[in-house]
Amino acid sequence: MIQLLEKYLIDPETDIHYAYHKSIKNITDIHWHDFFEIFLITKGSLYHFINGKKEWLEAGFLCFIRPSDVHYYGNDRTQPCELLNLAFPQRTVEALFEYLGDGLEADDLLAAEMPSCKVISPYQIEILKDKIQEITFIPSAHKRHIKAEVRALLAEIFILCFSNRPETTPSSMPNWLEELADEMRNKDNFAQGLPRLYELSGKSPEHLTRMIKKHLGKTPTEWINEMRLQYAANLLSHTDEAIVTISLEAGFENLSHFYHRFKDRFHVTPAKFRKENRKIAIPISKPLIPML
């Protein structure tokens, strides 16, 4: 059995080692390591032998491997497998767990017999690949920048895959609809409303309405308005933008309609919601004097 050590693999100034393996065709050596690892199957499939058990993983499987885990990979040679790997030390995990706090089930992640795995969509695979590629573009001498970007990426992965937040989409949702849902959460898309939804989906309005109703329990209009209203609520809580500006930015062209929808959703007017939820870190006791 091979033991892989942090001191020989991970740069202590970046706290990361990442690799994209595109040639896992046979059996790898059985090994364990004194650091943590996340791997993602981006293409193909393979056998994963982990802690004495055998599991079949396909594209989209993302797994969190701990120092206590003993594992190796095998392939049936019918198709090559591509695997994205991130290795990081104990101190990084401790910092992330402290930062994310109760948002993670840390005991389950660290003490469970088998490591945690999550299936992500093809769209999410491409997002993670793009983010890794962005990190590779950072000059190697800019180690603090690399470290910051890597920690931000790991935090995003843990929140996406290993947090105890409620699932927002059922596992039975078709891949195309899950990808569409991810795209529609972008403000530039949901603010444009139904025309943008139909454009991105490539489906007929009738079929799209049936699928959204089946998997999300809402009509397309209700679903889009829910995203718009939550976005507006966040702006009311965290910015000093005028309510009319927030209404327009969220995609409501009619201020009266925005007030009506907002009160239906949150049971208070936008102005009262802001008063009850906005916290100010920079108190201003008198009007600012413009700088000449």
C-alpha atoms as a PDB file:
ATOM      1  CA  MET A   1       0.000   0.000   0.000  1.00  0.00           C
ATOM      2  CA  ILE A   2       1.281   3.445  -0.934  1.00  0.00           C
ATOM      3  CA  GLN A   3       1.204   6.342   1.507  1.00  0.00           C
ATOM      4  CA  LEU A   4       0.985   9.810  -0.048  1.00  0.00           C
ATOM      5  CA  LEU A   5       2.209  12.659   2.140  1.00  0.00           C
ATOM      6  CA  GLU A   6       1.203  16.289   2.125  1.00  0.00           C
ATOM      7  CA  LYS A   7       4.774  17.549   2.412  1.00  0.00           C
ATOM      8  CA  TYR A   8       5.697  15.968  -0.926  1.00  0.00           C
ATOM      9  CA  LEU A   9       2.585  16.966  -2.843  1.00  0.00           C
ATOM     10  CA  ILE A  10       0.945  20.156  -1.573  1.00  0.00           C
ATOM     11  CA  ASP A  11       2.517  23.593  -1.788  1.00  0.00           C
ATOM     12  CA  PRO A  12       2.282  25.031   1.774  1.00  0.00           C
ATOM     13  CA  GLU A  13       1.877  28.545   0.362  1.00  0.00           C
ATOM     14  CA  THR A  14      -1.201  27.681  -1.707  1.00  0.00           C
ATOM     15  CA  ASP A  15      -2.524  24.709   0.310  1.00  0.00           C
ATOM     16  CA  ILE A  16      -3.606  22.940  -2.866  1.00  0.00           C
ATOM     17  CA  HIS A  17      -2.640  20.364  -5.421  1.00  0.00           C
ATOM     18  CA  TYR A  18      -4.927  19.907  -8.391  1.00  0.00           C
ATOM     19  CA  ALA A  19      -4.747  17.636 -11.383  1.00  0.00           C
ATOM     20  CA  TYR A  20      -6.954  16.645 -14.291  1.00  0.00           C
ATOM     21  CA  HIS A  21      -6.417  12.968 -15.144  1.00  0.00           C
ATOM     22  CA  LYS A  22      -7.569  12.034 -18.634  1.00  0.00           C
ATOM     23  CA  SER A  23      -6.089   8.547 -18.878  1.00  0.00           C
ATOM     24  CA  ILE A  24      -7.448   6.349 -16.101  1.00  0.00           C
ATOM     25  CA  LYS A  25      -7.785   3.182 -18.160  1.00  0.00           C
ATOM     26  CA  ASN A  26      -6.591   0.451 -15.806  1.00  0.00           C
ATOM     27  CA  ILE A  27      -6.227  -0.190 -12.064  1.00  0.00           C
ATOM     28  CA  THR A  28      -4.365   2.335  -9.916  1.00  0.00           C
ATOM     29  CA  ASP A  29      -2.316   1.524  -6.828  1.00  0.00           C
ATOM     30  CA  ILE A  30      -4.090   1.153  -3.506  1.00  0.00           C
ATOM     31  CA  HIS A  31      -3.205   4.128  -1.341  1.00  0.00           C
ATOM     32  CA  TRP A  32      -4.086   6.446   1.517  1.00  0.00           C
ATOM     33  CA  HIS A  33      -2.835   9.940   2.376  1.00  0.00           C
ATOM     34  CA  ASP A  34      -2.449  12.347   5.262  1.00  0.00           C
ATOM     35  CA  PHE A  35      -4.457  15.072   3.486  1.00  0.00           C
ATOM     36  CA  PHE A  36      -8.004  15.492   2.212  1.00  0.00           C
ATOM     37  CA  GLU A  37      -9.127  15.071  -1.364  1.00  0.00           C
ATOM     38  CA  ILE A  38     -12.116  15.840  -3.548  1.00  0.00           C
ATOM     39  CA  PHE A  39     -12.407  14.092  -6.872  1.00  0.00           C
ATOM     40  CA  LEU A  40     -14.978  14.535  -9.622  1.00  0.00           C
ATOM     41  CA  ILE A  41     -15.684  12.141 -12.480  1.00  0.00           C
ATOM     42  CA  THR A  42     -16.048  14.451 -15.463  1.00  0.00           C
ATOM     43  CA  LYS A  43     -16.340  11.858 -18.205  1.00  0.00           C
ATOM     44  CA  GLY A  44     -16.754   8.113 -18.495  1.00  0.00           C
ATOM     45  CA  SER A  45     -17.003   5.802 -15.486  1.00  0.00           C
ATOM     46  CA  LEU A  46     -14.876   3.626 -13.212  1.00  0.00           C
ATOM     47  CA  TYR A  47     -14.846   1.328 -10.204  1.00  0.00           C
ATOM     48  CA  HIS A  48     -13.900   2.969  -6.926  1.00  0.00           C
ATOM     49  CA  PHE A  49     -12.556   0.604  -4.287  1.00  0.00           C
ATOM     50  CA  ILE A  50     -12.975   2.410  -0.970  1.00  0.00           C
ATOM     51  CA  ASN A  51     -12.493   1.079   2.577  1.00  0.00           C
ATOM     52  CA  GLY A  52     -12.904  -2.500   1.426  1.00  0.00           C
ATOM     53  CA  LYS A  53     -15.992  -1.857  -0.684  1.00  0.00           C
ATOM     54  CA  LYS A  54     -16.505  -1.533  -4.422  1.00  0.00           C
ATOM     55  CA  GLU A  55     -18.710   1.113  -6.032  1.00  0.00           C
ATOM     56  CA  TRP A  56     -19.419   2.076  -9.623  1.00  0.00           C
ATOM     57  CA  LEU A  57     -19.087   5.804 -10.302  1.00  0.00           C
ATOM     58  CA  GLU A  58     -20.168   7.623 -13.441  1.00  0.00           C
ATOM     59  CA  ALA A  59     -19.743  11.163 -14.734  1.00  0.00           C
ATOM     60  CA  GLY A  60     -21.084  13.634 -12.192  1.00  0.00           C
ATOM     61  CA  PHE A  61     -20.012  11.789  -9.030  1.00  0.00           C
ATOM     62  CA  LEU A  62     -18.115  14.088  -6.669  1.00  0.00           C
ATOM     63  CA  CYS A  63     -16.539  12.466  -3.580  1.00  0.00           C
ATOM     64  CA  PHE A  64     -14.886  13.791  -0.413  1.00  0.00           C
ATOM     65  CA  ILE A  65     -11.981  11.555   0.646  1.00  0.00           C
ATOM     66  CA  ARG A  66     -10.493  11.779   4.154  1.00  0.00           C
ATOM     67  CA  PRO A  67      -7.039  10.825   5.442  1.00  0.00           C
ATOM     68  CA  SER A  68      -8.518   7.712   7.066  1.00  0.00           C
ATOM     69  CA  ASP A  69      -9.860   6.367   3.751  1.00  0.00           C
ATOM     70  CA  VAL A  70      -8.004   3.694   1.785  1.00  0.00           C
ATOM     71  CA  HIS A  71      -8.897   3.592  -1.882  1.00  0.00           C
ATOM     72  CA  TYR A  72      -7.940   3.014  -5.492  1.00  0.00           C
ATOM     73  CA  TYR A  73      -9.573   3.123  -8.919  1.00  0.00           C
ATOM     74  CA  GLY A  74     -10.246   0.498 -11.550  1.00  0.00           C
ATOM     75  CA  ASN A  75     -11.619   0.591 -15.085  1.00  0.00           C
ATOM     76  CA  ASP A  76     -13.239  -2.149 -17.181  1.00  0.00           C
ATOM     77  CA  ARG A  77     -11.357  -0.786 -20.221  1.00  0.00           C
ATOM     78  CA  THR A  78     -14.557  -0.264 -22.184  1.00  0.00           C
ATOM     79  CA  GLN A  79     -14.116   3.502 -22.004  1.00  0.00           C
ATOM     80  CA  PRO A  80     -11.485   5.880 -20.640  1.00  0.00           C
ATOM     81  CA  CYS A  81     -12.364   7.904 -17.570  1.00  0.00           C
ATOM     82  CA  GLU A  82     -11.531  11.533 -16.860  1.00  0.00           C
ATOM     83  CA  LEU A  83     -11.135  12.624 -13.255  1.00  0.00           C
ATOM     84  CA  LEU A  84     -10.580  16.038 -11.670  1.00  0.00           C
ATOM     85  CA  ASN A  85      -8.703  15.898  -8.364  1.00  0.00           C
ATOM     86  CA  LEU A  86      -8.188  18.493  -5.616  1.00  0.00           C
ATOM     87  CA  ALA A  87      -5.934  17.722  -2.633  1.00  0.00           C
ATOM     88  CA  PHE A  88      -5.732  20.015   0.406  1.00  0.00           C
ATOM     89  CA  PRO A  89      -4.423  19.810   3.995  1.00  0.00           C
ATOM     90  CA  GLN A  90      -6.126  19.416   7.360  1.00  0.00           C
ATOM     91  CA  ARG A  91      -5.742  23.128   8.156  1.00  0.00           C
ATOM     92  CA  THR A  92      -7.773  24.087   5.104  1.00  0.00           C
ATOM     93  CA  VAL A  93     -10.608  21.779   6.121  1.00  0.00           C
ATOM     94  CA  GLU A  94     -10.552  23.126   9.676  1.00  0.00           C
ATOM     95  CA  ALA A  95     -10.713  26.712   8.392  1.00  0.00           C
ATOM     96  CA  LEU A  96     -13.598  25.907   6.032  1.00  0.00           C
ATOM     97  CA  PHE A  97     -15.572  24.020   8.666  1.00  0.00           C
ATOM     98  CA  GLU A  98     -15.122  26.861  11.138  1.00  0.00           C
ATOM     99  CA  TYR A  99     -16.170  29.406   8.519  1.00  0.00           C
ATOM    100  CA  LEU A 100     -19.234  27.456   7.333  1.00  0.00           C
ATOM    101  CA  GLY A 101     -20.206  26.485  10.886  1.00  0.00           C
ATOM    102  CA  ASP A 102     -23.539  24.729  11.315  1.00  0.00           C
ATOM    103  CA  GLY A 103     -24.092  24.798   7.574  1.00  0.00           C
ATOM    104  CA  LEU A 104     -22.167  21.500   7.412  1.00  0.00           C
ATOM    105  CA  GLU A 105     -22.664  18.200   9.180  1.00  0.00           C
ATOM    106  CA  ALA A 106     -18.967  18.035  10.044  1.00  0.00           C
ATOM    107  CA  ASP A 107     -19.195  14.913  12.231  1.00  0.00           C
ATOM    108  CA  ASP A 108     -20.925  12.949   9.470  1.00  0.00           C
ATOM    109  CA  LEU A 109     -18.416  14.088   6.871  1.00  0.00           C
ATOM    110  CA  LEU A 110     -15.405  13.180   9.000  1.00  0.00           C
ATOM    111  CA  ALA A 111     -16.507  10.146  11.018  1.00  0.00           C
ATOM    112  CA  ALA A 112     -18.824   8.175   8.725  1.00  0.00           C
ATOM    113  CA  GLU A 113     -17.650   4.732   7.651  1.00  0.00           C
ATOM    114  CA  MET A 114     -17.820   5.669   3.981  1.00  0.00           C
ATOM    115  CA  PRO A 115     -16.885   9.019   2.452  1.00  0.00           C
ATOM    116  CA  SER A 116     -19.624  11.344   1.238  1.00  0.00           C
ATOM    117  CA  CYS A 117     -20.477  11.435  -2.463  1.00  0.00           C
ATOM    118  CA  LYS A 118     -22.838  13.679  -4.399  1.00  0.00           C
ATOM    119  CA  VAL A 119     -24.054  13.560  -7.988  1.00  0.00           C
ATOM    120  CA  ILE A 120     -23.931  16.900  -9.777  1.00  0.00           C
ATOM    121  CA  SER A 121     -25.346  17.867 -13.161  1.00  0.00           C
ATOM    122  CA  PRO A 122     -23.389  18.130 -16.437  1.00  0.00           C
ATOM    123  CA  TYR A 123     -23.870  21.894 -16.246  1.00  0.00           C
ATOM    124  CA  GLN A 124     -22.315  21.990 -12.766  1.00  0.00           C
ATOM    125  CA  ILE A 125     -19.428  19.821 -13.985  1.00  0.00           C
ATOM    126  CA  GLU A 126     -18.614  22.423 -16.621  1.00  0.00           C
ATOM    127  CA  ILE A 127     -18.853  25.227 -14.049  1.00  0.00           C
ATOM    128  CA  LEU A 128     -16.301  23.516 -11.781  1.00  0.00           C
ATOM    129  CA  LYS A 129     -13.999  22.753 -14.706  1.00  0.00           C
ATOM    130  CA  ASP A 130     -14.125  26.417 -15.748  1.00  0.00           C
ATOM    131  CA  LYS A 131     -13.336  27.580 -12.210  1.00  0.00           C
ATOM    132  CA  ILE A 132     -10.325  25.259 -12.006  1.00  0.00           C
ATOM    133  CA  GLN A 133      -9.155  26.546 -15.371  1.00  0.00           C
ATOM    134  CA  GLU A 134      -9.426  30.125 -14.112  1.00  0.00           C
ATOM    135  CA  ILE A 135      -7.146  29.214 -11.201  1.00  0.00           C
ATOM    136  CA  THR A 136      -4.591  27.704 -13.574  1.00  0.00           C
ATOM    137  CA  PHE A 137      -4.410  31.067 -15.366  1.00  0.00           C
ATOM    138  CA  ILE A 138      -3.175  32.786 -12.185  1.00  0.00           C
ATOM    139  CA  PRO A 139       0.635  33.200 -12.353  1.00  0.00           C
ATOM    140  CA  SER A 140       2.306  30.588 -10.131  1.00  0.00           C
ATOM    141  CA  ALA A 141       4.194  33.323  -8.262  1.00  0.00           C
ATOM    142  CA  HIS A 142       0.898  34.796  -7.002  1.00  0.00           C
ATOM    143  CA  LYS A 143       0.509  32.176  -4.297  1.00  0.00           C
ATOM    144  CA  ARG A 144      -1.725  34.172  -1.955  1.00  0.00           C
ATOM    145  CA  HIS A 145      -4.118  34.839  -4.820  1.00  0.00           C
ATOM    146  CA  ILE A 146      -4.205  31.143  -5.705  1.00  0.00           C
ATOM    147  CA  LYS A 147      -4.813  30.192  -2.060  1.00  0.00           C
ATOM    148  CA  ALA A 148      -7.725  32.630  -1.766  1.00  0.00           C
ATOM    149  CA  GLU A 149      -9.347  31.428  -4.995  1.00  0.00           C
ATOM    150  CA  VAL A 150      -8.950  27.774  -4.014  1.00  0.00           C
ATOM    151  CA  ARG A 151     -10.546  28.312  -0.604  1.00  0.00           C
ATOM    152  CA  ALA A 152     -13.432  30.148  -2.233  1.00  0.00           C
ATOM    153  CA  LEU A 153     -13.879  27.254  -4.674  1.00  0.00           C
ATOM    154  CA  LEU A 154     -13.768  24.649  -1.899  1.00  0.00           C
ATOM    155  CA  ALA A 155     -16.323  26.606   0.133  1.00  0.00           C
ATOM    156  CA  GLU A 156     -18.608  26.672  -2.911  1.00  0.00           C
ATOM    157  CA  ILE A 157     -18.207  22.908  -3.410  1.00  0.00           C
ATOM    158  CA  PHE A 158     -18.940  22.121   0.231  1.00  0.00           C
ATOM    159  CA  ILE A 159     -22.015  24.344   0.245  1.00  0.00           C
ATOM    160  CA  LEU A 160     -23.253  22.864  -3.030  1.00  0.00           C
ATOM    161  CA  CYS A 161     -22.590  19.218  -2.241  1.00  0.00           C
ATOM    162  CA  PHE A 162     -22.108  18.611   1.464  1.00  0.00           C
ATOM    163  CA  SER A 163     -24.176  21.214   3.321  1.00  0.00           C
ATOM    164  CA  ASN A 164     -27.324  20.404   5.264  1.00  0.00           C
ATOM    165  CA  ARG A 165     -29.399  22.991   3.409  1.00  0.00           C
ATOM    166  CA  PRO A 166     -32.653  21.644   1.990  1.00  0.00           C
ATOM    167  CA  GLU A 167     -32.581  20.322  -1.555  1.00  0.00           C
ATOM    168  CA  THR A 168     -33.941  22.864  -4.015  1.00  0.00           C
ATOM    169  CA  THR A 169     -34.481  20.410  -6.851  1.00  0.00           C
ATOM    170  CA  PRO A 170     -35.649  16.800  -6.662  1.00  0.00           C
ATOM    171  CA  SER A 171     -33.230  14.132  -7.838  1.00  0.00           C
ATOM    172  CA  SER A 172     -35.784  12.964 -10.438  1.00  0.00           C
ATOM    173  CA  MET A 173     -35.536  16.267 -12.304  1.00  0.00           C
ATOM    174  CA  PRO A 174     -34.272  15.828 -15.887  1.00  0.00           C
ATOM    175  CA  ASN A 175     -30.735  17.093 -16.482  1.00  0.00           C
ATOM    176  CA  TRP A 176     -31.911  19.680 -19.007  1.00  0.00           C
ATOM    177  CA  LEU A 177     -34.354  21.158 -16.483  1.00  0.00           C
ATOM    178  CA  GLU A 178     -31.768  21.194 -13.688  1.00  0.00           C
ATOM    179  CA  GLU A 179     -29.344  23.019 -15.983  1.00  0.00           C
ATOM    180  CA  LEU A 180     -32.105  25.442 -16.981  1.00  0.00           C
ATOM    181  CA  ALA A 181     -32.880  26.078 -13.292  1.00  0.00           C
ATOM    182  CA  ASP A 182     -29.219  26.864 -12.641  1.00  0.00           C
ATOM    183  CA  GLU A 183     -29.118  29.291 -15.546  1.00  0.00           C
ATOM    184  CA  MET A 184     -32.374  30.994 -14.577  1.00  0.00           C
ATOM    185  CA  ARG A 185     -31.001  31.765 -11.084  1.00  0.00           C
ATOM    186  CA  ASN A 186     -28.708  34.243 -12.821  1.00  0.00           C
ATOM    187  CA  LYS A 187     -30.168  37.726 -12.347  1.00  0.00           C
ATOM    188  CA  ASP A 188     -29.618  38.634 -15.991  1.00  0.00           C
ATOM    189  CA  ASN A 189     -31.900  35.741 -16.939  1.00  0.00           C
ATOM    190  CA  PHE A 190     -34.747  35.790 -14.411  1.00  0.00           C
ATOM    191  CA  ALA A 191     -35.070  39.580 -14.754  1.00  0.00           C
ATOM    192  CA  GLN A 192     -35.969  39.048 -18.432  1.00  0.00           C
ATOM    193  CA  GLY A 193     -38.795  36.721 -17.458  1.00  0.00           C
ATOM    194  CA  LEU A 194     -40.657  34.197 -19.580  1.00  0.00           C
ATOM    195  CA  PRO A 195     -39.140  35.136 -22.966  1.00  0.00           C
ATOM    196  CA  ARG A 196     -35.653  34.368 -21.626  1.00  0.00           C
ATOM    197  CA  LEU A 197     -36.880  31.134 -20.018  1.00  0.00           C
ATOM    198  CA  TYR A 198     -38.318  29.904 -23.310  1.00  0.00           C
ATOM    199  CA  GLU A 199     -35.200  30.967 -25.198  1.00  0.00           C
ATOM    200  CA  LEU A 200     -32.837  29.091 -22.853  1.00  0.00           C
ATOM    201  CA  SER A 201     -34.986  25.960 -22.651  1.00  0.00           C
ATOM    202  CA  GLY A 202     -35.440  25.248 -26.344  1.00  0.00           C
ATOM    203  CA  LYS A 203     -38.722  23.556 -25.375  1.00  0.00           C
ATOM    204  CA  SER A 204     -42.300  24.399 -26.273  1.00  0.00           C
ATOM    205  CA  PRO A 205     -44.074  26.595 -23.695  1.00  0.00           C
ATOM    206  CA  GLU A 206     -46.638  23.856 -23.092  1.00  0.00           C
ATOM    207  CA  HIS A 207     -44.043  21.134 -22.396  1.00  0.00           C
ATOM    208  CA  LEU A 208     -41.943  23.475 -20.274  1.00  0.00           C
ATOM    209  CA  THR A 209     -44.965  24.497 -18.195  1.00  0.00           C
ATOM    210  CA  ARG A 210     -45.862  20.851 -17.537  1.00  0.00           C
ATOM    211  CA  MET A 211     -42.308  19.934 -16.470  1.00  0.00           C
ATOM    212  CA  ILE A 212     -41.833  22.968 -14.201  1.00  0.00           C
ATOM    213  CA  LYS A 213     -45.199  22.318 -12.575  1.00  0.00           C
ATOM    214  CA  LYS A 214     -44.340  18.640 -12.090  1.00  0.00           C
ATOM    215  CA  HIS A 215     -40.843  19.107 -10.640  1.00  0.00           C
ATOM    216  CA  LEU A 216     -41.019  22.522  -8.978  1.00  0.00           C
ATOM    217  CA  GLY A 217     -44.710  22.681  -8.055  1.00  0.00           C
ATOM    218  CA  LYS A 218     -45.171  26.121  -9.622  1.00  0.00           C
ATOM    219  CA  THR A 219     -46.112  27.673 -12.912  1.00  0.00           C
ATOM    220  CA  PRO A 220     -43.211  29.273 -14.835  1.00  0.00           C
ATOM    221  CA  THR A 221     -44.507  32.733 -13.891  1.00  0.00           C
ATOM    222  CA  GLU A 222     -44.747  31.827 -10.190  1.00  0.00           C
ATOM    223  CA  TRP A 223     -41.256  30.330 -10.261  1.00  0.00           C
ATOM    224  CA  ILE A 224     -39.708  33.389 -11.927  1.00  0.00           C
ATOM    225  CA  ASN A 225     -41.533  35.778  -9.588  1.00  0.00           C
ATOM    226  CA  GLU A 226     -40.243  33.818  -6.587  1.00  0.00           C
ATOM    227  CA  MET A 227     -36.645  34.329  -7.779  1.00  0.00           C
ATOM    228  CA  ARG A 228     -37.287  38.013  -8.521  1.00  0.00           C
ATOM    229  CA  LEU A 229     -38.856  38.640  -5.113  1.00  0.00           C
ATOM    230  CA  GLN A 230     -36.103  36.861  -3.202  1.00  0.00           C
ATOM    231  CA  TYR A 231     -33.519  38.875  -5.121  1.00  0.00           C
ATOM    232  CA  ALA A 232     -35.395  42.098  -4.346  1.00  0.00           C
ATOM    233  CA  ALA A 233     -35.603  41.129  -0.649  1.00  0.00           C
ATOM    234  CA  ASN A 234     -31.828  40.640  -0.559  1.00  0.00           C
ATOM    235  CA  LEU A 235     -31.264  44.062  -2.120  1.00  0.00           C
ATOM    236  CA  LEU A 236     -33.637  45.681   0.356  1.00  0.00           C
ATOM    237  CA  SER A 237     -31.730  44.067   3.235  1.00  0.00           C
ATOM    238  CA  HIS A 238     -28.199  44.720   2.035  1.00  0.00           C
ATOM    239  CA  THR A 239     -28.187  47.841  -0.152  1.00  0.00           C
ATOM    240  CA  ASP A 240     -29.420  51.421  -0.008  1.00  0.00           C
ATOM    241  CA  GLU A 241     -30.799  51.404  -3.556  1.00  0.00           C
ATOM    242  CA  ALA A 242     -34.178  53.059  -4.035  1.00  0.00           C
ATOM    243  CA  ILE A 243     -37.140  50.715  -4.002  1.00  0.00           C
ATOM    244  CA  VAL A 244     -38.128  51.688  -7.539  1.00  0.00           C
ATOM    245  CA  THR A 245     -34.593  50.851  -8.724  1.00  0.00           C
ATOM    246  CA  ILE A 246     -34.706  47.477  -6.959  1.00  0.00           C
ATOM    247  CA  SER A 247     -38.075  46.766  -8.547  1.00  0.00           C
ATOM    248  CA  LEU A 248     -36.715  47.413 -12.021  1.00  0.00           C
ATOM    249  CA  GLU A 249     -33.486  45.507 -11.417  1.00  0.00           C
ATOM    250  CA  ALA A 250     -35.432  42.449 -10.273  1.00  0.00           C
ATOM    251  CA  GLY A 251     -37.475  42.526 -13.468  1.00  0.00           C
ATOM    252  CA  PHE A 252     -40.705  44.243 -12.361  1.00  0.00           C
ATOM    253  CA  GLU A 253     -41.504  47.026 -14.808  1.00  0.00           C
ATOM    254  CA  ASN A 254     -44.584  48.137 -12.840  1.00  0.00           C
ATOM    255  CA  LEU A 255     -43.902  49.423  -9.294  1.00  0.00           C
ATOM    256  CA  SER A 256     -47.486  48.840  -8.172  1.00  0.00           C
ATOM    257  CA  HIS A 257     -47.292  45.220  -9.348  1.00  0.00           C
ATOM    258  CA  PHE A 258     -44.006  44.796  -7.474  1.00  0.00           C
ATOM    259  CA  TYR A 259     -45.552  46.117  -4.233  1.00  0.00           C
ATOM    260  CA  HIS A 260     -48.523  43.795  -4.617  1.00  0.00           C
ATOM    261  CA  ARG A 261     -46.390  40.695  -5.287  1.00  0.00           C
ATOM    262  CA  PHE A 262     -43.907  41.559  -2.536  1.00  0.00           C
ATOM    263  CA  LYS A 263     -46.620  41.986   0.091  1.00  0.00           C
ATOM    264  CA  ASP A 264     -48.236  38.701  -0.944  1.00  0.00           C
ATOM    265  CA  ARG A 265     -44.891  36.922  -0.528  1.00  0.00           C
ATOM    266  CA  PHE A 266     -43.475  38.573   2.624  1.00  0.00           C
ATOM    267  CA  HIS A 267     -46.685  39.956   4.218  1.00  0.00           C
ATOM    268  CA  VAL A 268     -45.207  43.450   4.569  1.00  0.00           C
ATOM    269  CA  THR A 269     -44.478  46.292   2.169  1.00  0.00           C
ATOM    270  CA  PRO A 270     -40.952  46.603   0.718  1.00  0.00           C
ATOM    271  CA  ALA A 271     -40.346  49.704   2.853  1.00  0.00           C
ATOM    272  CA  LYS A 272     -41.312  47.924   6.070  1.00  0.00           C
ATOM    273  CA  PHE A 273     -39.302  44.848   5.098  1.00  0.00           C
ATOM    274  CA  ARG A 274     -36.224  47.056   4.647  1.00  0.00           C
ATOM    275  CA  LYS A 275     -36.793  48.764   7.987  1.00  0.00           C
ATOM    276  CA  GLU A 276     -37.071  45.434   9.800  1.00  0.00           C
ATOM    277  CA  ASN A 277     -34.184  43.644   8.073  1.00  0.00           C
ATOM    278  CA  ARG A 278     -31.540  46.139   6.999  1.00  0.00           C
ATOM    279  CA  LYS A 279     -28.489  46.493   9.240  1.00  0.00           C
ATOM    280  CA  ILE A 280     -26.116  49.434   8.719  1.00  0.00           C
ATOM    281  CA  ALA A 281     -22.384  48.997   9.270  1.00  0.00           C
ATOM    282  CA  ILE A 282     -21.546  52.632   8.396  1.00  0.00           C
ATOM    283  CA  PRO A 283     -23.879  54.895  10.402  1.00  0.00           C
ATOM    284  CA  ILE A 284     -24.453  58.363   8.991  1.00  0.00           C
ATOM    285  CA  SER A 285     -25.686  60.992  11.453  1.00  0.00           C
ATOM    286  CA  LYS A 286     -25.901  63.913   9.033  1.00  0.00           C
ATOM    287  CA  PRO A 287     -25.985  64.474   5.279  1.00  0.00           C
ATOM    288  CA  LEU A 288     -22.667  64.055   3.576  1.00  0.00           C
ATOM    289  CA  ILE A 289     -21.083  67.203   2.165  1.00  0.00           C
ATOM    290  CA  PRO A 290     -20.133  66.693  -1.481  1.00  0.00           C
ATOM    291  CA  MET A 291     -16.410  66.822  -2.169  1.00  0.00           C
ATOM    292  CA  LEU A 292     -15.484  69.681  -4.485  1.00  0.00           C
END
